[in-house]
Amino acid sequence: MKNSIQINCARENLAKVRQFVTESLKSTSLSEIEVNTLVLAVDEVCANVIIHSADCDSKKSLKVYTDIKSNQAIFEVIDKGIGYDLRSHKMPQLSDIIKSKRKGGVGLMLVQKIMDKIDFIPNTKGNIIRLIKQF
């Protein structure tokens, strides 16, 4: 079943996205841990869009679509900001992050580990980041 939510690009709206994804996954037989893992991945993508693509400008917005089927979940995050192809993201070495005491840098790595497939589709309606998880 397809559902969508649109939010302004403010960090405090991430809670709405997490709730929306959680509700969308209620019809599945996924465990609470599996649901929370998928919520984490979608939240991370949305946070990156809000922070890096929209510069936390609440006048901008993003839309999240869910399409939950019996054997897979498809999530699409659509925005009109600066696009970033997650597929080309090089995973950092955790030892380098620890040594540099850098905050952040592991979110996209988590998304890549959690999801089975990631697509990036730039088009006239905006950038589409599609996340697919088989179950």
Protein backbone atom coordinates (compact mmCIF):
# COMPACT_ATOMS: atom_id res chain seq x y z
CA MET A 1 0.00 0.00 0.00
CA LYS A 2 1.38 3.42 -0.98
CA ASN A 3 1.34 6.29 1.48
CA SER A 4 3.12 9.63 1.66
CA ILE A 5 3.98 12.46 4.00
CA GLN A 6 5.36 15.90 3.23
CA ILE A 7 7.34 17.88 5.79
CA ASN A 8 9.17 21.17 5.91
CA CYS A 9 12.94 20.79 6.04
CA ALA A 10 13.39 21.38 9.75
CA ARG A 11 15.11 18.81 11.97
CA GLU A 12 12.21 18.68 14.42
CA ASN A 13 10.03 17.23 11.63
CA LEU A 14 12.13 14.06 11.53
CA ALA A 15 9.95 12.71 14.37
CA LYS A 16 6.96 12.88 12.00
CA VAL A 17 8.88 10.88 9.40
CA ARG A 18 9.87 8.23 11.94
CA GLN A 19 6.24 7.90 13.10
CA PHE A 20 5.01 7.73 9.50
CA VAL A 21 7.47 4.96 8.55
CA THR A 22 6.67 3.02 11.72
CA GLU A 23 2.93 3.21 10.99
CA SER A 24 3.51 2.19 7.36
CA LEU A 25 5.32 -0.96 8.48
CA LYS A 26 2.67 -2.08 11.00
CA SER A 27 0.97 -4.28 8.41
CA THR A 28 4.12 -6.40 8.01
CA SER A 29 5.33 -9.34 10.05
CA LEU A 30 8.64 -7.60 10.73
CA SER A 31 9.96 -7.64 14.27
CA GLU A 32 10.26 -4.43 16.27
CA ILE A 33 14.02 -4.48 15.71
CA GLU A 34 13.59 -4.85 11.94
CA VAL A 35 11.05 -2.02 11.85
CA ASN A 36 13.32 0.23 13.91
CA THR A 37 16.23 -0.56 11.60
CA LEU A 38 14.25 0.53 8.55
CA VAL A 39 13.01 3.63 10.37
CA LEU A 40 16.65 4.47 11.17
CA ALA A 41 17.66 4.20 7.50
CA VAL A 42 14.84 6.41 6.23
CA ASP A 43 15.43 8.90 9.06
CA GLU A 44 19.12 9.11 8.17
CA VAL A 45 18.39 9.83 4.52
CA CYS A 46 15.83 12.49 5.46
CA ALA A 47 18.21 14.06 7.97
CA ASN A 48 20.89 14.30 5.31
CA VAL A 49 18.46 15.90 2.87
CA ILE A 50 17.33 18.41 5.51
CA ILE A 51 20.85 19.30 6.64
CA HIS A 52 22.91 19.07 3.47
CA SER A 53 20.47 19.58 0.61
CA ALA A 54 18.03 22.06 2.13
CA ASP A 55 20.34 23.75 4.68
CA CYS A 56 17.61 23.29 7.35
CA ASP A 57 15.46 25.83 5.51
CA SER A 58 11.91 25.24 6.72
CA LYS A 59 10.59 27.02 3.61
CA LYS A 60 11.78 23.98 1.65
CA SER A 61 10.12 20.60 1.90
CA LEU A 62 10.63 16.94 1.23
CA LYS A 63 8.20 14.14 0.62
CA VAL A 64 8.49 10.53 1.78
CA TYR A 65 6.59 7.75 0.04
CA THR A 66 6.22 4.22 1.35
CA ASP A 67 5.11 1.26 -0.72
CA ILE A 68 4.82 -1.78 1.53
CA LYS A 69 4.25 -5.14 -0.13
CA SER A 70 4.18 -8.68 1.20
CA ASN A 71 7.86 -9.27 0.47
CA GLN A 72 9.45 -5.82 0.29
CA ALA A 73 9.34 -2.23 1.45
CA ILE A 74 10.11 0.63 -0.90
CA PHE A 75 10.80 4.09 0.49
CA GLU A 76 11.26 7.19 -1.65
CA VAL A 77 12.56 10.50 -0.37
CA ILE A 78 11.97 13.34 -2.83
CA ASP A 79 13.33 16.85 -2.56
CA LYS A 80 14.28 19.72 -4.84
CA GLY A 81 17.61 20.57 -3.24
CA ILE A 82 21.16 19.67 -4.11
CA GLY A 83 21.23 16.02 -5.13
CA TYR A 84 23.63 13.44 -3.71
CA ASP A 85 23.96 9.95 -5.15
CA LEU A 86 24.17 7.63 -2.13
CA ARG A 87 25.38 4.82 -4.36
CA SER A 88 28.69 6.62 -4.87
CA HIS A 89 29.25 7.24 -1.16
CA LYS A 90 32.53 5.68 -0.09
CA MET A 91 32.27 4.03 3.27
CA PRO A 92 34.71 5.53 5.75
CA GLN A 93 36.96 3.37 7.85
CA LEU A 94 35.61 3.30 11.39
CA SER A 95 39.14 3.44 12.75
CA ASP A 96 39.69 6.74 10.90
CA ILE A 97 36.50 8.21 12.34
CA ILE A 98 37.50 7.15 15.85
CA LYS A 99 41.04 8.49 15.49
CA SER A 100 39.85 11.86 14.21
CA LYS A 101 37.13 12.05 16.93
CA ARG A 102 34.84 13.29 14.19
CA LYS A 103 31.13 13.48 14.88
CA GLY A 104 28.99 11.87 12.24
CA GLY A 105 30.09 10.14 9.09
CA VAL A 106 28.54 6.74 9.68
CA GLY A 107 24.88 7.38 8.84
CA LEU A 108 25.09 6.69 5.13
CA MET A 109 27.22 3.65 5.85
CA LEU A 110 24.36 2.33 8.01
CA VAL A 111 21.85 3.00 5.23
CA GLN A 112 24.02 1.06 2.78
CA LYS A 113 24.26 -1.86 5.23
CA ILE A 114 20.55 -1.91 6.07
CA MET A 115 19.01 -1.60 2.62
CA ASP A 116 19.18 -4.18 -0.14
CA LYS A 117 19.12 -1.60 -2.92
CA ILE A 118 19.58 2.16 -3.18
CA ASP A 119 18.68 4.18 -6.26
CA PHE A 120 19.26 7.87 -6.94
CA ILE A 121 17.08 9.37 -9.64
CA PRO A 122 17.46 13.06 -10.49
CA ASN A 123 14.47 14.35 -12.46
CA THR A 124 12.33 17.40 -13.07
CA LYS A 125 10.17 16.74 -9.99
CA GLY A 126 13.25 16.70 -7.76
CA ASN A 127 15.81 14.22 -6.55
CA ILE A 128 14.45 10.80 -5.71
CA ILE A 129 16.32 8.55 -3.31
CA ARG A 130 14.74 5.10 -3.45
CA LEU A 131 15.51 2.58 -0.71
CA ILE A 132 14.42 -1.04 -1.12
CA LYS A 133 14.39 -3.76 1.51
CA GLN A 134 13.37 -7.35 0.80
CA PHE A 135 11.85 -9.48 3.56
